[in-house]
Protein backbone atom coordinates (compact mmCIF):
# COMPACT_ATOMS: atom_id res chain seq x y z
CA ASN A 1 48.22 166.59 108.25
CA LYS A 2 48.80 164.06 111.00
CA ASN A 3 48.02 161.21 108.60
CA TYR A 4 51.01 162.13 106.45
CA ILE A 5 54.18 161.46 108.42
CA ILE A 6 57.36 162.67 106.74
CA LYS A 7 59.94 159.95 106.15
CA VAL A 8 63.49 161.25 106.07
CA MET A 9 66.57 159.26 105.12
CA PHE A 10 69.70 159.88 107.18
CA LEU A 11 73.35 159.07 106.56
CA CYS A 12 75.14 158.10 109.76
CA ALA A 13 78.88 157.47 110.06
CA VAL A 14 80.45 155.81 113.09
CA ALA A 15 83.71 153.99 113.72
CA ARG A 16 85.18 151.74 116.36
CA PRO A 17 86.28 153.67 119.47
CA ARG A 18 90.06 153.97 119.61
CA TRP A 19 92.84 155.61 121.59
CA ASP A 20 93.70 159.18 120.62
CA ALA A 21 97.39 159.61 121.37
CA THR A 22 97.40 163.39 120.81
CA ARG A 23 94.58 164.08 123.31
CA HIS A 24 95.47 161.20 125.66
CA ARG A 25 91.95 159.84 125.82
CA ILE A 26 89.64 157.43 124.01
CA TRP A 27 87.88 158.78 120.92
CA ASP A 28 84.21 157.73 120.96
CA GLY A 29 83.99 156.94 117.23
CA LYS A 30 81.12 159.30 116.42
CA ILE A 31 81.63 160.94 113.04
CA GLY A 32 78.30 162.47 112.05
CA LEU A 33 74.63 162.27 111.11
CA TRP A 34 73.28 164.00 108.00
CA PRO A 35 69.63 164.16 106.83
CA PHE A 36 68.68 163.99 103.16
CA ALA A 37 66.28 166.92 103.43
CA VAL A 38 66.26 170.69 103.03
CA TYR A 39 64.31 173.53 104.64
CA GLU A 40 62.28 175.56 102.15
CA PRO A 41 59.80 178.39 102.74
CA ALA A 42 56.14 177.50 102.25
CA GLU A 43 54.77 178.96 99.04
CA ARG A 44 51.17 179.26 100.21
CA ALA A 45 49.49 179.98 103.51
CA SER A 46 47.33 177.42 105.26
CA LYS A 47 45.21 177.44 108.39
CA ASN A 48 48.19 175.96 110.27
CA ARG A 49 50.97 178.31 109.16
CA PRO A 50 51.56 181.52 107.18
CA ALA A 51 53.31 181.64 103.82
CA GLY A 52 57.09 181.78 104.10
CA THR A 53 57.32 179.45 107.10
CA LEU A 54 60.23 177.04 106.76
CA GLU A 55 59.15 173.47 106.02
CA ILE A 56 61.27 170.36 105.70
CA LYS A 57 61.32 168.89 102.19
CA THR A 58 62.71 165.43 101.55
CA TYR A 59 64.22 164.28 98.28
CA SER A 60 64.93 160.94 96.67
CA VAL A 61 68.41 159.55 97.16
CA ASP A 62 70.07 157.74 94.30
CA ARG A 63 73.63 156.58 93.75
CA GLU A 64 74.88 159.99 92.58
CA ILE A 65 73.39 161.91 95.53
CA TYR A 66 74.76 159.33 97.98
CA ARG A 67 78.23 159.56 96.39
CA GLN A 68 78.15 163.37 96.60
CA ALA A 69 77.14 163.16 100.27
CA LEU A 70 80.08 160.87 100.98
CA CYS A 71 82.55 163.10 99.14
CA ARG A 72 81.28 166.47 100.43
CA MET A 73 80.22 165.68 103.99
CA VAL A 74 81.44 162.34 105.31
CA ILE A 75 85.05 162.08 104.08
CA PRO A 76 86.02 165.65 105.13
CA ARG A 77 84.44 165.03 108.55
CA ILE A 78 86.38 161.76 108.93
CA LYS A 79 89.63 163.60 108.16
CA GLU A 80 88.68 166.27 110.71
CA VAL A 81 87.77 164.05 113.68
CA TRP A 82 89.86 160.90 113.14
CA PRO A 83 92.49 160.52 115.86
CA SER A 84 96.06 160.71 114.67
CA GLY A 85 99.12 159.09 116.11
CA LYS A 86 100.22 155.59 116.91
CA ARG A 87 98.46 153.06 119.07
CA VAL A 88 99.82 152.77 122.58
């Protein structure tokens, strides 16, 4: 229905751009963007789509879900992309 617009919450992590001594260039500071939603198959058919079509389903975000997102997605990604080495 065009009157019902899905509202999705996102978790975005960015940092200040800094020099990456190992790659000899400036790291842009982009860490990641994660939606608080899942894709689930539609249980019933409608005139707009058949049953089984993937639909986006949002869920409420509380303190525990936000903490899990930080621990499972954000912190490992920071460790992966953060530039190492000393400032020059």
